[in-house]
Amino acid sequence: MSSRFLARLAESHEVVTRVQLFRTDGSVLDLEHTGGAVTVDRGQAIRRTCTATCADLSVIPRTPADKLATYGARLRISRGVAFGDGSQELVPLGVFRLDSVDGDLTEGPVTLQGKSLEACIADDKFTQVWTATGTVVGAVTALITRSLPDADVISTITDGPIGARTFDIEADPWAGAQEIAAAAGAEVYTNADGVFVIAEMPDLLTAVPVWAVEAGEGGVYVTGNRAMASDGVFNGVLARGENVYEGVPPVSYLATDSDPGSPTYWDGPYGRRPMFYSSSTLVSLAACQQAATLKLAAARAPNATGDFTSLPNPALEPGDVLRVSHPDGSRELHQVASFRVPLDEGGDFPIATISAKEDG
């Protein structure tokens, strides 16, 4: 994504979108579509979902051969801008497993729906007992490639050992991958390119804002809302690990909100509201500390949230930090939690954020 792309978003521009259908027979169709959207939500196990509508009735599988080519097919969706000089720039919105195709056989339109590739791991439930061992990256990668042998997996974390973790028949492998990643204080998800990523959540206090959402002339701010809540908000996480199988003694770590200026300060008026997390993958104090810190960031997040509508930016990722300037001149830093990118020019672009903080 270029700086020219971001600047163009705030200007009047032509929206360019692309929906490609990759069929299992090797054919690739560029679908002329009339609408749809991609929803991205960090709070969901399957981060990305999509809907696209098109007029091409041939997409509806009718024969056994059509069905073979459609079941297991994938969608690749992109959105971008035209610059007015004949050039374009598109950014990916996701790679999706095609889950449904539905439409009137004579008039259409045809609606396609899909989920990002985490769904392939989640749906491939264990049919026999599985034991994860070794390191965080190795164990997570093994769970992913068990279902998708050709999957791309990248890691940006410092790898570390885990305690053996045995998963029973019918257990969810994707939930297992998330549990193992937590032992390194990390998340695992697919990005907009369909690549599986093992990474730490960016720190709001140190991350560089990727986009300015500003009110006024030349800005992309449309509307904004701020909220605070205490329901479901915890200010401490006790992470515990015990691995009888490997003879590892119990280990634990309590992470708390230690900022006296925070409304959820552990020793402040909010009171102490701990939550608890345990896993046999946690076999060291460091692993417990990383897991507790990761879980605490999520547990504290709803205490300060924002919902904004701006001009669409398809290049955002959950965890990105935004600098938001409100019409009254106040400025805040927000971390992206979820958003919805329309596949037409007139659609709204709502962004839900977490961890709001004043920007000095």
Protein backbone atom coordinates (compact mmCIF):
# COMPACT_ATOMS: atom_id res chain seq x y z
CA MET A 1 0.00 0.00 0.00
CA SER A 2 1.44 3.37 -1.01
CA SER A 3 1.19 6.79 0.65
CA ARG A 4 -0.55 7.87 -2.53
CA PHE A 5 -3.28 5.32 -1.80
CA LEU A 6 -4.01 6.71 1.69
CA ALA A 7 -4.09 10.28 0.40
CA ARG A 8 -6.51 9.29 -2.34
CA LEU A 9 -9.00 7.86 0.19
CA ALA A 10 -9.77 11.36 1.48
CA GLU A 11 -10.40 12.68 -2.03
CA SER A 12 -13.26 12.11 -4.41
CA HIS A 13 -12.28 8.95 -6.25
CA GLU A 14 -13.53 5.96 -8.20
CA VAL A 15 -13.75 2.77 -6.13
CA VAL A 16 -12.31 -0.36 -7.71
CA THR A 17 -13.24 -3.81 -6.38
CA ARG A 18 -12.40 -7.33 -7.50
CA VAL A 19 -13.96 -10.68 -6.61
CA GLN A 20 -12.23 -13.81 -7.92
CA LEU A 21 -13.59 -17.34 -7.66
CA PHE A 22 -10.93 -20.06 -7.58
CA ARG A 23 -12.67 -23.31 -8.47
CA THR A 24 -11.31 -26.71 -7.54
CA ASP A 25 -10.87 -27.63 -11.23
CA GLY A 26 -8.17 -24.96 -11.51
CA SER A 27 -10.29 -22.36 -13.29
CA VAL A 28 -10.42 -18.78 -12.02
CA LEU A 29 -13.43 -16.54 -12.62
CA ASP A 30 -13.47 -12.76 -12.23
CA LEU A 31 -17.00 -12.16 -11.01
CA GLU A 32 -18.84 -9.04 -12.07
CA HIS A 33 -20.46 -8.19 -8.76
CA THR A 34 -23.12 -5.72 -7.75
CA GLY A 35 -22.50 -5.52 -4.01
CA GLY A 36 -21.42 -7.27 -0.88
CA ALA A 37 -19.05 -6.66 2.01
CA VAL A 38 -16.13 -8.07 3.98
CA THR A 39 -16.43 -8.03 7.77
CA VAL A 40 -13.27 -8.25 9.88
CA ASP A 41 -13.57 -8.83 13.64
CA ARG A 42 -10.70 -9.57 16.03
CA GLY A 43 -13.19 -10.80 18.63
CA GLN A 44 -14.26 -13.75 16.48
CA ALA A 45 -12.35 -17.01 16.07
CA ILE A 46 -12.97 -16.72 12.31
CA ARG A 47 -11.77 -13.16 11.74
CA ARG A 48 -13.05 -12.52 8.22
CA THR A 49 -16.36 -13.27 6.55
CA CYS A 50 -17.64 -12.12 3.18
CA THR A 51 -20.74 -11.74 1.07
CA ALA A 52 -20.75 -10.91 -2.63
CA THR A 53 -23.64 -10.62 -5.08
CA CYS A 54 -23.29 -11.09 -8.81
CA ALA A 55 -25.49 -11.51 -11.88
CA ASP A 56 -23.61 -14.49 -13.36
CA LEU A 57 -26.08 -17.39 -13.05
CA SER A 58 -23.44 -19.86 -14.25
CA VAL A 59 -21.85 -19.63 -10.80
CA ILE A 60 -24.75 -21.65 -9.34
CA PRO A 61 -23.70 -25.32 -9.37
CA ARG A 62 -26.26 -27.48 -11.18
CA THR A 63 -24.46 -30.62 -12.39
CA PRO A 64 -22.29 -33.05 -10.41
CA ALA A 65 -19.23 -31.60 -12.18
CA ASP A 66 -20.27 -28.08 -11.17
CA LYS A 67 -20.64 -29.20 -7.58
CA LEU A 68 -17.22 -30.84 -7.55
CA ALA A 69 -15.69 -27.61 -8.84
CA THR A 70 -17.58 -25.48 -6.30
CA TYR A 71 -17.32 -27.40 -3.04
CA GLY A 72 -13.94 -26.40 -1.64
CA ALA A 73 -13.61 -23.37 -3.92
CA ARG A 74 -12.15 -20.11 -2.64
CA LEU A 75 -12.85 -16.43 -3.06
CA ARG A 76 -10.21 -13.71 -3.16
CA ILE A 77 -11.57 -10.19 -2.67
CA SER A 78 -9.82 -6.83 -3.08
CA ARG A 79 -10.77 -3.17 -2.97
CA GLY A 80 -8.87 -0.09 -4.04
CA VAL A 81 -8.92 3.20 -5.89
CA ALA A 82 -8.48 4.56 -9.38
CA PHE A 83 -6.11 7.53 -9.53
CA GLY A 84 -7.57 9.29 -12.55
CA ASP A 85 -4.44 8.80 -14.65
CA GLY A 86 -5.39 5.32 -15.78
CA SER A 87 -3.64 3.57 -12.89
CA GLN A 88 -5.20 1.69 -10.00
CA GLU A 89 -4.13 0.31 -6.65
CA LEU A 90 -5.97 -2.52 -4.92
CA VAL A 91 -5.36 -4.02 -1.50
CA PRO A 92 -6.51 -7.50 -0.45
CA LEU A 93 -9.51 -7.93 1.84
CA GLY A 94 -9.18 -11.66 2.37
CA VAL A 95 -9.06 -15.19 1.03
CA PHE A 96 -12.22 -17.12 1.86
CA ARG A 97 -13.50 -20.65 1.73
CA LEU A 98 -16.69 -20.53 -0.33
CA ASP A 99 -19.44 -21.77 1.97
CA SER A 100 -22.65 -21.09 0.07
CA VAL A 101 -23.99 -20.09 -3.34
CA ASP A 102 -27.63 -19.09 -3.59
CA GLY A 103 -29.74 -17.40 -6.24
CA ASP A 104 -32.79 -17.48 -8.49
CA LEU A 105 -32.01 -19.73 -11.48
CA THR A 106 -33.69 -17.44 -14.01
CA GLU A 107 -33.30 -13.91 -12.73
CA GLY A 108 -30.58 -13.89 -10.08
CA PRO A 109 -28.83 -12.27 -8.39
CA VAL A 110 -26.45 -14.86 -7.00
CA THR A 111 -25.20 -14.48 -3.44
CA LEU A 112 -21.86 -16.02 -2.42
CA GLN A 113 -20.79 -16.27 1.21
CA GLY A 114 -17.48 -17.34 2.67
CA LYS A 115 -15.27 -17.54 5.75
CA SER A 116 -11.54 -16.97 6.05
CA LEU A 117 -9.27 -19.99 6.17
CA GLU A 118 -9.36 -20.39 9.96
CA ALA A 119 -12.68 -22.14 9.28
CA CYS A 120 -10.85 -24.97 7.51
CA ILE A 121 -8.89 -25.68 10.69
CA ALA A 122 -11.85 -25.27 13.04
CA ASP A 123 -14.10 -27.61 11.07
CA ASP A 124 -11.47 -30.37 10.85
CA LYS A 125 -12.24 -31.67 14.35
CA PHE A 126 -9.96 -34.33 15.81
CA THR A 127 -11.03 -37.87 15.00
CA GLN A 128 -8.29 -39.29 17.23
CA VAL A 129 -6.39 -38.02 20.24
CA TRP A 130 -3.76 -35.41 19.28
CA THR A 131 -0.85 -34.30 21.47
CA ALA A 132 0.87 -30.98 20.76
CA THR A 133 4.50 -30.73 21.91
CA GLY A 134 7.68 -28.82 21.15
CA THR A 135 7.52 -25.05 20.69
CA VAL A 136 4.71 -22.55 20.21
CA VAL A 137 5.43 -21.92 16.53
CA GLY A 138 6.04 -25.60 15.75
CA ALA A 139 2.88 -26.79 17.51
CA VAL A 140 0.64 -24.10 15.98
CA THR A 141 2.09 -24.75 12.52
CA ALA A 142 1.47 -28.49 12.92
CA LEU A 143 -2.20 -27.88 13.75
CA ILE A 144 -2.63 -25.63 10.71
CA THR A 145 -0.82 -27.84 8.19
CA ARG A 146 -2.68 -30.89 9.51
CA SER A 147 -5.73 -29.48 7.72
CA LEU A 148 -4.06 -27.30 5.04
CA PRO A 149 -0.70 -28.86 4.11
CA ASP A 150 0.13 -26.02 1.69
CA ALA A 151 -0.76 -23.20 4.11
CA ASP A 152 1.66 -20.31 4.51
CA VAL A 153 2.50 -19.68 8.18
CA ILE A 154 4.65 -16.77 9.33
CA SER A 155 5.69 -15.87 12.86
CA THR A 156 6.95 -12.58 14.28
CA ILE A 157 7.29 -13.78 17.89
CA THR A 158 10.16 -15.12 19.95
CA ASP A 159 9.49 -18.85 19.95
CA GLY A 160 9.47 -20.83 23.17
CA PRO A 161 8.75 -24.32 24.52
CA ILE A 162 5.33 -25.51 25.59
CA GLY A 163 4.14 -28.25 27.87
CA ALA A 164 2.50 -31.21 26.18
CA ARG A 165 -1.18 -30.55 25.47
CA THR A 166 -3.46 -33.44 24.60
CA PHE A 167 -6.67 -32.76 22.67
CA ASP A 168 -9.53 -35.24 22.81
CA ILE A 169 -11.62 -36.57 19.93
CA GLU A 170 -14.08 -33.90 18.67
CA ALA A 171 -11.94 -31.05 20.04
CA ASP A 172 -11.54 -27.88 17.94
CA PRO A 173 -8.00 -27.64 16.46
CA TRP A 174 -8.33 -23.90 15.83
CA ALA A 175 -9.18 -23.26 19.48
CA GLY A 176 -6.13 -25.39 20.29
CA ALA A 177 -3.90 -23.27 18.06
CA GLN A 178 -5.13 -20.12 19.80
CA GLU A 179 -4.47 -21.66 23.23
CA ILE A 180 -0.93 -22.63 22.27
CA ALA A 181 -0.18 -19.18 20.81
CA ALA A 182 -1.30 -17.61 24.09
CA ALA A 183 1.61 -19.37 25.81
CA ALA A 184 3.86 -16.88 24.00
CA GLY A 185 1.52 -13.93 24.56
CA ALA A 186 0.53 -14.12 20.90
CA GLU A 187 -2.49 -14.42 18.64
CA VAL A 188 -2.90 -16.56 15.54
CA TYR A 189 -5.10 -15.56 12.61
CA THR A 190 -5.17 -15.24 8.83
CA ASN A 191 -4.36 -11.89 7.29
CA ALA A 192 -5.85 -10.29 4.17
CA ASP A 193 -3.55 -12.38 1.94
CA GLY A 194 -4.79 -15.65 3.43
CA VAL A 195 -1.51 -16.18 5.29
CA PHE A 196 -1.60 -17.57 8.83
CA VAL A 197 0.15 -15.18 11.21
CA ILE A 198 1.47 -15.79 14.73
CA ALA A 199 2.07 -12.36 16.29
CA GLU A 200 1.74 -10.28 19.42
CA MET A 201 -1.05 -7.71 19.62
CA PRO A 202 0.43 -4.23 18.95
CA ASP A 203 0.83 -2.10 22.08
CA LEU A 204 -1.35 1.02 21.96
CA LEU A 205 1.28 2.98 23.92
CA THR A 206 4.16 2.27 21.54
CA ALA A 207 2.63 1.42 18.15
CA VAL A 208 2.85 4.05 15.42
CA PRO A 209 -0.62 5.13 14.19
CA VAL A 210 -1.25 3.85 10.67
CA TRP A 211 -4.02 6.28 9.74
CA ALA A 212 -5.41 9.65 10.80
CA VAL A 213 -9.20 9.83 11.08
CA GLU A 214 -9.75 13.58 11.13
CA ALA A 215 -12.89 15.71 11.16
CA GLY A 216 -13.15 18.75 8.97
CA GLU A 217 -12.19 19.63 5.41
CA GLY A 218 -9.93 17.04 3.83
CA GLY A 219 -10.56 14.53 6.61
CA VAL A 220 -12.17 11.09 6.50
CA TYR A 221 -14.14 11.33 9.78
CA VAL A 222 -17.93 11.04 9.35
CA THR A 223 -19.43 10.27 12.79
CA GLY A 224 -18.11 9.11 16.14
CA ASN A 225 -19.26 7.66 19.44
CA ARG A 226 -17.39 7.00 22.70
CA ALA A 227 -18.42 4.59 25.45
CA MET A 228 -17.23 3.07 28.69
CA ALA A 229 -18.53 -0.07 30.39
CA SER A 230 -17.76 -2.25 33.39
CA ASP A 231 -19.73 -5.36 32.51
CA GLY A 232 -17.33 -8.10 31.52
CA VAL A 233 -14.29 -5.93 32.24
CA PHE A 234 -11.54 -7.49 34.37
CA ASN A 235 -8.43 -5.78 35.71
CA GLY A 236 -6.42 -8.86 36.60
CA VAL A 237 -5.69 -12.25 35.06
CA LEU A 238 -4.22 -15.19 36.94
CA ALA A 239 -2.64 -17.59 34.44
CA ARG A 240 -1.82 -21.05 35.75
CA GLY A 241 0.00 -24.00 34.30
CA GLU A 242 0.41 -27.54 35.55
CA ASN A 243 1.59 -30.45 33.47
CA VAL A 244 1.31 -33.74 35.32
CA TYR A 245 2.16 -35.66 32.13
CA GLU A 246 5.65 -34.13 32.04
CA GLY A 247 6.07 -33.86 35.80
CA VAL A 248 6.21 -30.06 35.70
CA PRO A 249 5.23 -28.44 39.01
CA PRO A 250 2.43 -25.85 39.10
CA VAL A 251 3.37 -22.34 38.01
CA SER A 252 1.30 -19.16 37.94
CA TYR A 253 1.45 -15.42 37.32
CA LEU A 254 -1.02 -12.64 38.18
CA ALA A 255 -1.08 -9.76 35.70
CA THR A 256 -2.92 -6.66 36.89
CA ASP A 257 -3.70 -3.17 35.68
CA SER A 258 -0.84 -1.40 37.44
CA ASP A 259 -1.40 2.09 36.01
CA PRO A 260 -2.65 4.43 38.80
CA GLY A 261 -4.10 6.70 36.09
CA SER A 262 -6.23 3.94 34.63
CA PRO A 263 -9.96 3.76 35.49
CA THR A 264 -9.51 0.02 36.06
CA TYR A 265 -6.41 0.30 38.27
CA TRP A 266 -6.06 -2.89 40.36
CA ASP A 267 -5.76 -1.00 43.65
CA GLY A 268 -8.14 1.82 42.70
CA PRO A 269 -11.84 2.59 43.18
CA TYR A 270 -12.83 0.10 40.47
CA GLY A 271 -11.88 -2.69 42.85
CA ARG A 272 -10.23 -6.00 42.12
CA ARG A 273 -11.95 -8.06 39.44
CA PRO A 274 -9.74 -10.98 38.41
CA MET A 275 -10.36 -13.62 35.77
CA PHE A 276 -8.57 -16.97 35.48
CA TYR A 277 -6.86 -18.88 32.69
CA SER A 278 -5.16 -22.26 32.79
CA SER A 279 -3.42 -24.47 30.27
CA SER A 280 -1.00 -27.39 30.40
CA THR A 281 1.06 -25.58 27.73
CA LEU A 282 2.22 -23.11 30.42
CA VAL A 283 5.29 -24.68 32.01
CA SER A 284 7.30 -21.60 33.06
CA LEU A 285 6.76 -18.34 34.89
CA ALA A 286 7.61 -16.46 31.68
CA ALA A 287 4.94 -18.33 29.72
CA CYS A 288 2.35 -17.64 32.42
CA GLN A 289 3.30 -13.96 32.40
CA GLN A 290 2.97 -13.71 28.62
CA ALA A 291 -0.40 -15.47 28.59
CA ALA A 292 -1.73 -13.41 31.51
CA THR A 293 -0.63 -10.16 29.86
CA LEU A 294 -2.29 -11.12 26.57
CA LYS A 295 -5.54 -12.08 28.28
CA LEU A 296 -5.50 -8.93 30.43
CA ALA A 297 -5.31 -6.69 27.36
CA ALA A 298 -8.48 -8.33 26.03
CA ALA A 299 -10.18 -8.35 29.45
CA ARG A 300 -9.64 -4.61 29.96
CA ALA A 301 -10.48 -3.57 26.40
CA PRO A 302 -14.26 -2.98 26.70
CA ASN A 303 -13.79 -0.36 29.43
CA ALA A 304 -13.10 2.26 26.77
CA THR A 305 -14.42 1.85 23.24
CA GLY A 306 -15.23 3.94 20.23
CA ASP A 307 -17.39 3.47 17.19
CA PHE A 308 -16.62 5.59 14.15
CA THR A 309 -17.84 5.89 10.63
CA SER A 310 -15.27 7.13 8.16
CA LEU A 311 -14.55 6.99 4.47
CA PRO A 312 -13.55 3.37 3.75
CA ASN A 313 -9.94 2.24 4.20
CA PRO A 314 -9.67 -1.38 3.01
CA ALA A 315 -6.04 -1.62 4.14
CA LEU A 316 -6.80 -1.67 7.88
CA GLU A 317 -6.07 -4.68 10.07
CA PRO A 318 -7.40 -5.48 13.57
CA GLY A 319 -4.88 -4.17 16.08
CA ASP A 320 -3.94 -1.16 13.95
CA VAL A 321 -3.71 2.08 15.91
CA LEU A 322 -5.62 5.11 14.62
CA ARG A 323 -5.23 8.77 15.53
CA VAL A 324 -8.77 10.14 15.76
CA SER A 325 -9.47 13.89 15.75
CA HIS A 326 -13.03 14.77 16.76
CA PRO A 327 -15.01 17.82 15.59
CA ASP A 328 -14.49 19.48 19.01
CA GLY A 329 -10.72 19.35 18.53
CA SER A 330 -10.01 16.52 20.99
CA ARG A 331 -7.68 13.77 19.84
CA GLU A 332 -7.45 10.12 20.85
CA LEU A 333 -5.58 6.98 19.93
CA HIS A 334 -7.77 3.97 19.22
CA GLN A 335 -6.97 0.36 18.40
CA VAL A 336 -9.04 -1.28 15.68
CA ALA A 337 -11.25 -4.16 16.83
CA SER A 338 -13.57 -4.67 13.86
CA PHE A 339 -14.78 -3.07 10.64
CA ARG A 340 -16.88 -3.76 7.57
CA VAL A 341 -15.66 -2.93 4.07
CA PRO A 342 -18.41 -2.50 1.44
CA LEU A 343 -17.94 -3.68 -2.12
CA ASP A 344 -19.83 -0.71 -3.56
CA GLU A 345 -19.14 3.00 -3.64
CA GLY A 346 -21.96 4.15 -1.41
CA GLY A 347 -21.50 1.87 1.59
CA ASP A 348 -20.71 3.09 5.09
CA PHE A 349 -17.46 2.10 6.80
CA PRO A 350 -18.09 1.54 10.52
CA ILE A 351 -15.02 0.90 12.71
CA ALA A 352 -15.28 -0.42 16.26
CA THR A 353 -12.22 0.25 18.41
CA ILE A 354 -10.83 -0.66 21.82
CA SER A 355 -8.33 0.78 24.25
CA ALA A 356 -9.07 4.42 23.66
CA LYS A 357 -6.44 6.81 25.03
CA GLU A 358 -6.02 10.57 24.89
CA ASP A 359 -3.44 11.66 22.34
CA GLY A 360 -1.24 14.42 23.61
